């Protein structure tokens, strides 16, 4: 057998061996599964898919040019950065995005379609209110500030933005089921502030602070920099519903958004709302028809009159 023939056979065997080596090292991963080469499409990771929004708002990339577009963009900025952009009208460290995250189209308390549902009757006011009235209600209560002038550029910008994100919602819309946040259910006579404090210290304190003062990742929940007693969040069922659905934002001490029971959420809300916060002098005029909810945080004139008649 010639040396040439032997050399040829050896070369062929070496080539085959090298091919198998390359296959196992680069085509298969450590678990024996085919690896993805640079020219192949990576397999999609399985992630939890959220239901598609029934009326997906238009992209901010499609905002029209000109004055209308500038108002819309300003309105988004005012929504997300209210306490700094409109600091003359805000009396604490909260912004619209504190409750209505991601420009009101994202992860909490969706505002898509909100402008289509106004004017509407408001039980707390005891009358029909406009979208401007509702916005100013948040400025006076949730942000413990003062109302925007109705004809101001600031108000027009906020309305323009809410109109824009509501573009695809039918004009005759009265309800927004995609944005519903059920209030926490339970017996208010059995609220346990001590249990709420314990849960707060486990799952909330890291972001919101021992003194409720907030921090880099959490907002103030009581004290002078938080919402006043006239705000919706001062009601334990409302605050409890928000806590149950959206808190904590990140897993904490075995809890994650949606894991609190109604009882736990109500107790946390009761603890938070037992703490000192700014007053709202006009609160006595709320629910003028005497139909205050069972978790109203204060006595009203109508309620007092009704009680005196009994």
Protein backbone atom coordinates (compact mmCIF):
# COMPACT_ATOMS: atom_id res chain seq x y z
CA UNK A 1 0.00 0.00 0.00
CA UNK A 2 1.58 3.26 -1.11
CA UNK A 3 2.34 6.10 1.23
CA UNK A 4 0.21 8.35 -0.98
CA UNK A 5 -2.88 6.15 -0.48
CA UNK A 6 -2.36 5.99 3.28
CA UNK A 7 -1.94 9.75 3.49
CA UNK A 8 -5.13 10.29 1.49
CA UNK A 9 -7.17 8.00 3.74
CA UNK A 10 -5.80 9.73 6.85
CA UNK A 11 -6.74 13.12 5.47
CA UNK A 12 -10.29 11.99 4.77
CA UNK A 13 -10.69 10.52 8.29
CA UNK A 14 -9.32 13.71 9.84
CA UNK A 15 -11.75 15.83 7.83
CA UNK A 16 -14.72 13.70 8.95
CA UNK A 17 -13.59 13.87 12.58
CA UNK A 18 -13.18 17.62 12.38
CA UNK A 19 -16.69 17.94 10.91
CA UNK A 20 -18.24 16.01 13.82
CA UNK A 21 -16.29 18.11 16.30
CA UNK A 22 -17.57 21.34 14.78
CA UNK A 23 -21.11 19.95 14.82
CA UNK A 24 -21.07 19.08 18.49
CA UNK A 25 -19.30 22.23 19.59
CA UNK A 26 -21.12 24.82 17.54
CA UNK A 27 -24.36 23.36 16.26
CA UNK A 28 -25.49 21.75 19.49
CA UNK A 29 -25.58 23.43 22.89
CA UNK A 30 -24.67 21.92 26.23
CA UNK A 31 -28.05 20.21 26.55
CA UNK A 32 -27.79 18.57 23.14
CA UNK A 33 -30.33 20.97 21.62
CA UNK A 34 -29.65 22.67 18.29
CA UNK A 35 -28.01 26.02 18.84
CA UNK A 36 -28.87 29.06 16.74
CA UNK A 37 -26.30 30.21 14.25
CA UNK A 38 -25.82 33.85 13.46
CA UNK A 39 -27.81 33.47 10.27
CA UNK A 40 -30.84 31.79 11.88
CA UNK A 41 -33.82 33.33 13.64
CA UNK A 42 -33.70 32.98 17.42
CA UNK A 43 -36.66 31.12 18.95
CA UNK A 44 -39.15 33.45 20.65
CA UNK A 45 -39.04 33.33 24.43
CA UNK A 46 -42.39 32.45 25.91
CA UNK A 47 -43.73 35.49 27.71
CA UNK A 48 -47.09 36.25 29.21
CA UNK A 49 -49.21 37.99 26.61
CA UNK A 50 -51.65 40.68 27.64
CA UNK A 51 -55.03 40.97 25.94
CA UNK A 52 -54.87 43.41 23.07
CA UNK A 53 -56.40 46.78 23.86
CA UNK A 54 -59.85 47.05 22.25
CA UNK A 55 -59.09 50.61 21.16
CA UNK A 56 -55.34 50.83 20.86
CA UNK A 57 -54.33 54.51 21.04
CA UNK A 58 -52.37 56.02 18.15
CA UNK A 59 -48.62 56.28 18.46
CA UNK A 60 -47.02 59.52 19.52
CA UNK A 61 -45.01 59.19 16.31
CA UNK A 62 -48.23 59.95 14.44
CA UNK A 63 -49.03 63.17 16.25
CA UNK A 64 -50.08 65.78 13.66
CA UNK A 65 -47.79 68.66 12.85
CA UNK A 66 -48.52 72.20 13.88
CA UNK A 67 -50.16 73.74 16.93
CA UNK A 68 -52.43 70.76 17.65
CA UNK A 69 -49.47 68.39 17.68
CA UNK A 70 -47.49 70.65 19.97
CA UNK A 71 -50.39 70.78 22.42
CA UNK A 72 -50.65 66.98 22.42
CA UNK A 73 -46.94 66.60 23.13
CA UNK A 74 -47.13 69.19 25.89
CA UNK A 75 -50.11 67.39 27.37
CA UNK A 76 -48.15 64.14 27.55
CA UNK A 77 -45.29 65.94 29.27
CA UNK A 78 -47.69 67.55 31.74
CA UNK A 79 -49.24 64.16 32.47
CA UNK A 80 -45.93 62.41 33.13
CA UNK A 81 -44.10 65.26 34.87
CA UNK A 82 -46.94 67.21 36.47
CA UNK A 83 -45.18 68.08 39.72
CA UNK A 84 -42.28 69.72 37.88
CA UNK A 85 -43.81 71.01 34.62
CA UNK A 86 -46.85 72.43 36.45
CA UNK A 87 -45.26 72.99 39.85
CA UNK A 88 -47.23 76.21 40.33
CA UNK A 89 -50.42 74.16 40.41
CA UNK A 90 -49.18 71.08 42.31
CA UNK A 91 -48.76 71.11 46.08
CA UNK A 92 -47.00 67.78 46.56
CA UNK A 93 -44.65 65.36 44.79
CA UNK A 94 -47.31 63.50 42.84
CA UNK A 95 -48.13 63.62 39.13
CA UNK A 96 -50.92 62.27 36.96
CA UNK A 97 -48.62 59.37 36.12
CA UNK A 98 -48.42 58.45 39.81
CA UNK A 99 -51.72 56.61 39.33
CA UNK A 100 -52.10 56.60 35.53
CA UNK A 101 -48.73 55.19 34.51
CA UNK A 102 -46.99 55.40 31.14
CA UNK A 103 -48.91 58.37 29.84
CA UNK A 104 -52.22 56.86 30.88
CA UNK A 105 -51.97 54.11 28.26
CA UNK A 106 -49.88 51.61 30.17
CA UNK A 107 -49.67 49.48 33.25
CA UNK A 108 -52.15 51.11 35.63
CA UNK A 109 -55.46 52.99 35.48
CA UNK A 110 -55.72 53.27 31.70
CA UNK A 111 -57.14 56.63 30.53
CA UNK A 112 -57.79 55.63 26.92
CA UNK A 113 -61.29 56.83 26.04
CA UNK A 114 -61.62 59.01 29.14
CA UNK A 115 -62.50 62.17 27.22
CA UNK A 116 -65.26 60.32 25.32
CA UNK A 117 -67.14 59.64 28.57
CA UNK A 118 -67.46 63.29 29.59
CA UNK A 119 -69.54 65.25 30.44
CA UNK A 120 -70.86 62.78 33.04
CA UNK A 121 -72.60 62.84 36.39
CA UNK A 122 -70.26 62.79 39.38
CA UNK A 123 -71.84 61.71 42.72
CA UNK A 124 -69.15 63.41 44.79
CA UNK A 125 -69.85 66.73 43.07
CA UNK A 126 -73.58 66.02 42.89
CA UNK A 127 -73.74 67.32 39.31
CA UNK A 128 -72.62 66.74 35.75
CA UNK A 129 -68.94 67.60 35.28
CA UNK A 130 -66.71 68.12 32.25
CA UNK A 131 -63.34 66.55 31.52
CA UNK A 132 -61.79 69.87 32.60
CA UNK A 133 -63.63 69.67 35.93
CA UNK A 134 -62.35 66.14 36.43
CA UNK A 135 -58.76 67.13 35.67
CA UNK A 136 -58.97 70.02 38.12
CA UNK A 137 -60.46 67.72 40.73
CA UNK A 138 -57.22 65.74 40.63
CA UNK A 139 -55.15 68.91 40.87
CA UNK A 140 -57.06 70.07 43.95
CA UNK A 141 -57.23 66.70 45.70
CA UNK A 142 -54.72 64.08 44.53
CA UNK A 143 -52.03 66.68 43.91
CA UNK A 144 -53.12 68.95 46.76
CA UNK A 145 -52.79 71.98 44.53
CA UNK A 146 -54.96 74.45 42.69
CA UNK A 147 -57.00 74.20 39.47
CA UNK A 148 -55.71 75.05 36.02
CA UNK A 149 -57.47 78.03 34.40
CA UNK A 150 -60.00 76.55 31.97
CA UNK A 151 -58.82 78.68 29.04
CA UNK A 152 -55.10 78.18 29.75
CA UNK A 153 -52.65 76.54 27.38
CA UNK A 154 -51.86 74.05 30.16
CA UNK A 155 -55.46 72.84 30.35
CA UNK A 156 -55.90 72.81 26.57
CA UNK A 157 -52.76 70.68 26.29
CA UNK A 158 -53.98 68.08 28.77
CA UNK A 159 -57.38 67.84 27.08
CA UNK A 160 -55.70 67.61 23.67
CA UNK A 161 -53.56 64.69 24.85
CA UNK A 162 -56.49 62.79 26.39
CA UNK A 163 -58.49 63.40 23.22
CA UNK A 164 -55.59 62.05 21.17
CA UNK A 165 -55.17 58.78 23.08
CA UNK A 166 -58.96 58.37 22.84
CA UNK A 167 -59.03 58.81 19.04
CA UNK A 168 -60.02 55.22 18.28
CA UNK A 169 -62.74 54.98 20.94
CA UNK A 170 -66.32 55.40 19.66
CA UNK A 171 -67.86 58.81 20.33
CA UNK A 172 -70.88 57.35 22.11
CA UNK A 173 -68.80 55.46 24.68
CA UNK A 174 -70.11 55.79 28.23
CA UNK A 175 -68.22 52.98 30.00
CA UNK A 176 -64.62 51.80 29.73
CA UNK A 177 -64.59 48.14 30.87
CA UNK A 178 -60.96 47.73 29.79
CA UNK A 179 -59.96 50.28 32.45
CA UNK A 180 -62.07 49.08 35.37
CA UNK A 181 -60.38 48.77 38.76
CA UNK A 182 -62.67 46.93 41.19
CA UNK A 183 -62.67 48.44 44.66
CA UNK A 184 -61.52 46.17 47.48
CA UNK A 185 -64.37 44.26 49.04
CA UNK A 186 -64.72 43.50 52.75
CA UNK A 187 -66.19 44.44 56.11
CA UNK A 188 -64.92 47.90 57.04
CA UNK A 189 -65.71 47.28 60.70
CA UNK A 190 -62.98 44.64 60.73
CA UNK A 191 -60.14 46.76 59.34
CA UNK A 192 -56.87 45.99 61.10
CA UNK A 193 -54.39 48.86 60.99
CA UNK A 194 -51.75 46.85 62.87
CA UNK A 195 -51.97 44.04 60.31
CA UNK A 196 -51.73 46.67 57.58
CA UNK A 197 -48.60 48.12 59.17
CA UNK A 198 -47.00 44.69 59.26
CA UNK A 199 -47.77 44.07 55.59
CA UNK A 200 -46.57 47.57 54.66
CA UNK A 201 -43.25 46.91 56.40
CA UNK A 202 -42.86 43.70 54.42
CA UNK A 203 -43.96 44.65 50.95
CA UNK A 204 -44.10 48.46 50.67
CA UNK A 205 -41.48 50.04 52.90
CA UNK A 206 -38.56 49.49 50.51
CA UNK A 207 -40.07 51.82 47.92
CA UNK A 208 -42.27 54.12 49.99
CA UNK A 209 -40.14 54.50 53.10
CA UNK A 210 -40.66 53.94 56.79
CA UNK A 211 -42.23 57.37 57.11
CA UNK A 212 -44.27 57.09 53.92
CA UNK A 213 -42.05 59.78 52.42
CA UNK A 214 -41.26 57.83 49.25
CA UNK A 215 -37.89 57.74 47.59
CA UNK A 216 -36.14 57.07 44.31
CA UNK A 217 -38.65 54.40 43.26
CA UNK A 218 -41.68 55.10 45.42
CA UNK A 219 -44.06 57.98 45.94
CA UNK A 220 -45.02 59.65 49.24
CA UNK A 221 -48.08 57.95 50.71
CA UNK A 222 -48.70 60.32 53.62
CA UNK A 223 -47.40 63.58 55.00
CA UNK A 224 -47.36 67.01 53.38
CA UNK A 225 -46.02 65.73 50.06
CA UNK A 226 -48.82 63.23 49.46
CA UNK A 227 -52.49 63.40 48.44
CA UNK A 228 -54.93 65.22 50.70
CA UNK A 229 -57.90 63.77 52.56
CA UNK A 230 -60.28 64.74 49.75
CA UNK A 231 -58.56 62.52 47.19
CA UNK A 232 -60.03 59.26 45.98
CA UNK A 233 -57.04 57.38 47.39
CA UNK A 234 -58.01 58.57 50.87
CA UNK A 235 -60.88 56.08 50.65
CA UNK A 236 -59.82 52.62 51.79
CA UNK A 237 -61.83 50.71 49.20
CA UNK A 238 -60.35 52.76 46.36
CA UNK A 239 -56.80 52.60 47.72
CA UNK A 240 -57.28 48.92 48.55
CA UNK A 241 -58.40 48.16 44.99
CA UNK A 242 -55.32 49.90 43.60
CA UNK A 243 -53.03 48.07 46.02
CA UNK A 244 -54.60 44.71 45.24
CA UNK A 245 -54.34 45.09 41.47
CA UNK A 246 -51.05 46.94 41.02
CA UNK A 247 -48.87 46.63 44.12
CA UNK A 248 -46.08 45.93 44.75
CA UNK A 249 -44.58 46.99 41.44
CA UNK A 250 -41.81 44.41 41.84
CA UNK A 251 -41.93 41.12 43.80
CA UNK A 252 -41.29 41.83 47.47
CA UNK A 253 -41.29 39.51 50.50
CA UNK A 254 -43.27 36.88 48.64
CA UNK A 255 -45.84 39.36 47.31
CA UNK A 256 -46.36 40.60 43.78
CA UNK A 257 -49.00 42.62 41.96
CA UNK A 258 -52.32 40.84 42.22
CA UNK A 259 -51.34 38.57 45.12
CA UNK A 260 -52.84 40.54 48.03
CA UNK A 261 -56.27 39.43 49.20
CA UNK A 262 -59.04 41.99 49.58
CA UNK A 263 -58.57 41.85 53.35
CA UNK A 264 -54.80 42.40 53.12
CA UNK A 265 -55.19 45.25 50.64
CA UNK A 266 -57.84 46.93 52.80
CA UNK A 267 -55.64 46.65 55.88
CA UNK A 268 -52.67 48.20 54.08
CA UNK A 269 -54.93 51.01 52.81
CA UNK A 270 -56.30 51.50 56.32
CA UNK A 271 -52.77 51.82 57.72
CA UNK A 272 -51.67 54.28 55.02
CA UNK A 273 -54.80 56.40 55.38
CA UNK A 274 -54.58 56.41 59.17
CA UNK A 275 -51.50 58.58 58.84
CA UNK A 276 -51.42 62.37 58.73
CA UNK A 277 -51.99 64.08 55.39
CA UNK A 278 -53.09 67.51 54.14
CA UNK A 279 -56.68 68.61 54.73
CA UNK A 280 -59.17 69.60 52.04
CA UNK A 281 -61.48 72.26 53.52
CA UNK A 282 -64.17 71.93 50.84
CA UNK A 283 -64.64 68.25 51.65
CA UNK A 284 -67.77 69.05 53.69
CA UNK A 285 -69.60 69.89 50.46
CA UNK A 286 -68.93 66.49 48.87
CA UNK A 287 -71.81 64.11 48.07
CA UNK A 288 -74.38 66.90 48.53
CA UNK A 289 -77.23 64.44 47.90
CA UNK A 290 -76.27 62.41 50.94
CA UNK A 291 -75.05 59.40 48.96
CA UNK A 292 -71.48 59.23 50.29
CA UNK A 293 -69.92 55.75 50.00
CA UNK A 294 -69.31 53.66 53.12
CA UNK A 295 -65.57 54.34 52.98
CA UNK A 296 -65.80 58.14 52.77
CA UNK A 297 -62.94 59.43 54.90
CA UNK A 298 -64.82 62.35 56.45
CA UNK A 299 -68.20 63.70 57.43
CA UNK A 300 -70.11 65.85 54.94
CA UNK A 301 -72.82 68.46 55.50
CA UNK A 302 -75.37 66.30 53.70
CA UNK A 303 -74.39 63.29 55.74
CA UNK A 304 -74.60 65.24 58.98
CA UNK A 305 -78.06 66.54 58.12
CA UNK A 306 -79.25 63.05 57.25
CA UNK A 307 -77.95 61.72 60.55
CA UNK A 308 -79.70 64.48 62.50
CA UNK A 309 -83.06 63.53 60.94
CA UNK A 310 -82.79 59.96 62.18
